[in-house]
Amino acid sequence: MITRLRIDGMSCQRCVQAVFTALTPVEGIVSATVAIGTAEIEHDGRATVEALREAIAVAGYDASPASDMRRALPVL
């Protein structure tokens, strides 16, 4: 499974490292790609969105599912 999150408040590579490190203890994560403002986490299903958000909160940031960022285009 892949979970994409938007992360508010990140502004530098140190922020990226802090979030990456905070995700490390979450069970079930296979890999994580963290960039300023986003994270893409591949996991086996044990890592819930809530568990990921809680881990990121430990690093001092708020996270929300990336689907919240999408905008719908009108269907013509």
N, C-alpha and C. Protein backbone atom coordinates (compact mmCIF):
# COMPACT_ATOMS: atom_id res chain seq x y z
N MET A 1 0.83 -1.17 0.00
CA MET A 1 0.00 0.00 0.00
C MET A 1 0.88 1.24 0.00
N ILE A 2 0.36 2.31 -0.58
CA ILE A 2 1.08 3.58 -0.58
C ILE A 2 0.16 4.65 -0.01
N THR A 3 0.67 5.41 0.95
CA THR A 3 -0.05 6.53 1.54
C THR A 3 0.73 7.80 1.24
N ARG A 4 0.03 8.78 0.69
CA ARG A 4 0.64 10.08 0.42
C ARG A 4 0.07 11.10 1.38
N LEU A 5 0.96 11.87 2.00
CA LEU A 5 0.55 12.88 2.97
C LEU A 5 1.07 14.26 2.59
N ARG A 6 0.28 15.26 2.89
CA ARG A 6 0.73 16.65 2.80
C ARG A 6 1.17 17.02 4.21
N ILE A 7 2.33 17.66 4.33
CA ILE A 7 2.87 18.02 5.64
C ILE A 7 3.06 19.53 5.69
N ASP A 8 2.36 20.16 6.61
CA ASP A 8 2.42 21.61 6.76
C ASP A 8 3.56 22.03 7.68
N GLY A 9 4.20 23.13 7.34
CA GLY A 9 5.22 23.72 8.19
C GLY A 9 6.65 23.35 7.86
N MET A 10 6.86 22.51 6.89
CA MET A 10 8.22 22.12 6.52
C MET A 10 8.82 23.18 5.61
N SER A 11 10.09 23.53 5.84
CA SER A 11 10.71 24.57 5.02
C SER A 11 12.16 24.30 4.64
N CYS A 12 12.72 23.18 5.12
CA CYS A 12 14.14 22.95 4.84
C CYS A 12 14.45 21.45 4.90
N GLN A 13 15.67 21.11 4.54
CA GLN A 13 16.10 19.71 4.55
C GLN A 13 16.18 19.15 5.96
N ARG A 14 16.42 20.00 6.93
CA ARG A 14 16.43 19.52 8.32
C ARG A 14 15.03 19.04 8.71
N CYS A 15 14.00 19.74 8.22
CA CYS A 15 12.61 19.34 8.44
C CYS A 15 12.36 17.97 7.82
N VAL A 16 12.85 17.78 6.61
CA VAL A 16 12.71 16.51 5.90
C VAL A 16 13.34 15.40 6.73
N GLN A 17 14.52 15.61 7.23
CA GLN A 17 15.21 14.60 8.03
C GLN A 17 14.46 14.31 9.32
N ALA A 18 13.91 15.34 9.95
CA ALA A 18 13.16 15.15 11.20
C ALA A 18 11.92 14.28 10.95
N VAL A 19 11.20 14.53 9.87
CA VAL A 19 10.01 13.74 9.56
C VAL A 19 10.40 12.31 9.20
N PHE A 20 11.43 12.14 8.39
CA PHE A 20 11.89 10.81 8.01
C PHE A 20 12.25 10.00 9.25
N THR A 21 12.99 10.62 10.16
CA THR A 21 13.40 9.96 11.40
C THR A 21 12.19 9.61 12.26
N ALA A 22 11.21 10.51 12.33
CA ALA A 22 10.01 10.26 13.13
C ALA A 22 9.18 9.09 12.60
N LEU A 23 9.24 8.85 11.29
CA LEU A 23 8.50 7.74 10.68
C LEU A 23 9.16 6.38 10.94
N THR A 24 10.42 6.37 11.25
CA THR A 24 11.20 5.14 11.39
C THR A 24 10.56 4.10 12.32
N PRO A 25 10.05 4.47 13.50
CA PRO A 25 9.51 3.43 14.39
C PRO A 25 8.11 2.91 14.05
N VAL A 26 7.46 3.49 13.06
CA VAL A 26 6.10 3.04 12.71
C VAL A 26 6.17 1.66 12.07
N GLU A 27 5.45 0.71 12.67
CA GLU A 27 5.48 -0.66 12.17
C GLU A 27 4.82 -0.78 10.81
N GLY A 28 5.42 -1.57 9.95
CA GLY A 28 4.84 -1.88 8.65
C GLY A 28 5.37 -1.04 7.50
N ILE A 29 6.17 -0.02 7.80
CA ILE A 29 6.70 0.82 6.72
C ILE A 29 7.79 0.06 5.97
N VAL A 30 7.65 0.00 4.66
CA VAL A 30 8.64 -0.64 3.79
C VAL A 30 9.64 0.40 3.32
N SER A 31 9.14 1.57 2.91
CA SER A 31 10.01 2.67 2.49
C SER A 31 9.24 3.98 2.62
N ALA A 32 9.99 5.06 2.69
CA ALA A 32 9.38 6.39 2.79
C ALA A 32 10.20 7.37 1.98
N THR A 33 9.52 8.19 1.22
CA THR A 33 10.15 9.27 0.49
C THR A 33 9.57 10.56 1.05
N VAL A 34 10.43 11.37 1.64
CA VAL A 34 9.98 12.62 2.27
C VAL A 34 10.64 13.78 1.55
N ALA A 35 9.83 14.77 1.19
CA ALA A 35 10.32 16.02 0.58
C ALA A 35 9.63 17.16 1.31
N ILE A 36 10.07 18.36 1.06
CA ILE A 36 9.46 19.51 1.72
C ILE A 36 7.97 19.55 1.39
N GLY A 37 7.15 19.40 2.41
CA GLY A 37 5.71 19.48 2.27
C GLY A 37 4.97 18.19 1.94
N THR A 38 5.70 17.10 1.66
CA THR A 38 5.03 15.86 1.30
C THR A 38 5.79 14.64 1.81
N ALA A 39 5.05 13.55 1.89
CA ALA A 39 5.66 12.25 2.19
C ALA A 39 4.88 11.18 1.45
N GLU A 40 5.60 10.22 0.91
CA GLU A 40 4.99 9.06 0.27
C GLU A 40 5.54 7.85 1.00
N ILE A 41 4.62 7.12 1.64
CA ILE A 41 5.03 6.00 2.47
C ILE A 41 4.48 4.70 1.90
N GLU A 42 5.38 3.77 1.62
CA GLU A 42 4.97 2.43 1.20
C GLU A 42 4.96 1.56 2.44
N HIS A 43 3.84 0.84 2.65
CA HIS A 43 3.72 0.03 3.86
C HIS A 43 2.89 -1.22 3.57
N ASP A 44 2.89 -2.12 4.54
CA ASP A 44 2.19 -3.39 4.37
C ASP A 44 0.75 -3.36 4.88
N GLY A 45 0.24 -2.20 5.24
CA GLY A 45 -1.13 -2.06 5.72
C GLY A 45 -1.24 -1.87 7.22
N ARG A 46 -0.19 -2.20 7.95
CA ARG A 46 -0.23 -2.00 9.41
C ARG A 46 -0.06 -0.54 9.79
N ALA A 47 0.56 0.26 8.94
CA ALA A 47 0.80 1.67 9.22
C ALA A 47 -0.45 2.46 8.79
N THR A 48 -1.29 2.79 9.75
CA THR A 48 -2.50 3.53 9.44
C THR A 48 -2.17 5.01 9.23
N VAL A 49 -3.08 5.72 8.60
CA VAL A 49 -2.89 7.16 8.40
C VAL A 49 -2.75 7.84 9.75
N GLU A 50 -3.54 7.41 10.72
CA GLU A 50 -3.46 8.02 12.05
C GLU A 50 -2.10 7.78 12.70
N ALA A 51 -1.56 6.58 12.57
CA ALA A 51 -0.24 6.28 13.12
C ALA A 51 0.83 7.12 12.45
N LEU A 52 0.72 7.30 11.13
CA LEU A 52 1.68 8.13 10.41
C LEU A 52 1.57 9.58 10.84
N ARG A 53 0.33 10.08 10.98
CA ARG A 53 0.13 11.47 11.41
C ARG A 53 0.68 11.70 12.81
N GLU A 54 0.48 10.73 13.70
CA GLU A 54 0.99 10.84 15.07
C GLU A 54 2.52 10.88 15.08
N ALA A 55 3.14 10.05 14.27
CA ALA A 55 4.61 10.04 14.20
C ALA A 55 5.12 11.38 13.68
N ILE A 56 4.47 11.92 12.67
CA ILE A 56 4.89 13.20 12.11
C ILE A 56 4.67 14.32 13.11
N ALA A 57 3.61 14.22 13.91
CA ALA A 57 3.35 15.22 14.95
C ALA A 57 4.47 15.25 15.99
N VAL A 58 5.08 14.09 16.25
CA VAL A 58 6.21 14.03 17.18
C VAL A 58 7.35 14.92 16.67
N ALA A 59 7.51 14.99 15.36
CA ALA A 59 8.55 15.83 14.76
C ALA A 59 8.13 17.31 14.74
N GLY A 60 6.86 17.59 15.08
CA GLY A 60 6.40 18.97 15.17
C GLY A 60 5.62 19.48 13.97
N TYR A 61 5.10 18.56 13.15
CA TYR A 61 4.39 18.97 11.93
C TYR A 61 3.00 18.35 11.87
N ASP A 62 2.12 19.01 11.14
CA ASP A 62 0.77 18.50 10.91
C ASP A 62 0.73 17.85 9.54
N ALA A 63 0.08 16.69 9.47
CA ALA A 63 -0.03 15.96 8.20
C ALA A 63 -1.49 15.67 7.90
N SER A 64 -1.80 15.65 6.62
CA SER A 64 -3.15 15.28 6.18
C SER A 64 -3.01 14.47 4.89
N PRO A 65 -3.99 13.62 4.62
CA PRO A 65 -3.92 12.83 3.38
C PRO A 65 -3.78 13.74 2.16
N ALA A 66 -2.93 13.36 1.24
CA ALA A 66 -2.66 14.18 0.06
C ALA A 66 -3.90 14.34 -0.80
N SER A 67 -4.86 13.43 -0.69
CA SER A 67 -6.07 13.56 -1.49
C SER A 67 -6.84 14.83 -1.13
N ASP A 68 -6.60 15.36 0.07
CA ASP A 68 -7.23 16.62 0.47
C ASP A 68 -6.73 17.79 -0.36
N MET A 69 -5.56 17.62 -1.01
CA MET A 69 -4.97 18.70 -1.80
C MET A 69 -5.52 18.74 -3.21
N ARG A 70 -6.15 17.68 -3.65
CA ARG A 70 -6.58 17.61 -5.05
C ARG A 70 -7.77 18.53 -5.29
N ARG A 71 -7.80 19.06 -6.50
CA ARG A 71 -8.92 19.89 -6.90
C ARG A 71 -9.65 19.18 -8.02
N ALA A 72 -10.94 19.25 -7.98
CA ALA A 72 -11.74 18.61 -9.02
C ALA A 72 -11.97 19.59 -10.17
N LEU A 73 -11.77 19.09 -11.37
CA LEU A 73 -12.05 19.89 -12.55
C LEU A 73 -13.49 19.66 -12.99
N PRO A 74 -14.14 20.68 -13.49
CA PRO A 74 -15.51 20.45 -13.94
C PRO A 74 -15.54 19.52 -15.16
N VAL A 75 -16.51 18.67 -15.19
CA VAL A 75 -16.69 17.75 -16.31
C VAL A 75 -17.51 18.47 -17.35
N LEU A 76 -16.99 18.55 -18.57
CA LEU A 76 -17.68 19.25 -19.64
C LEU A 76 -18.49 18.32 -20.49
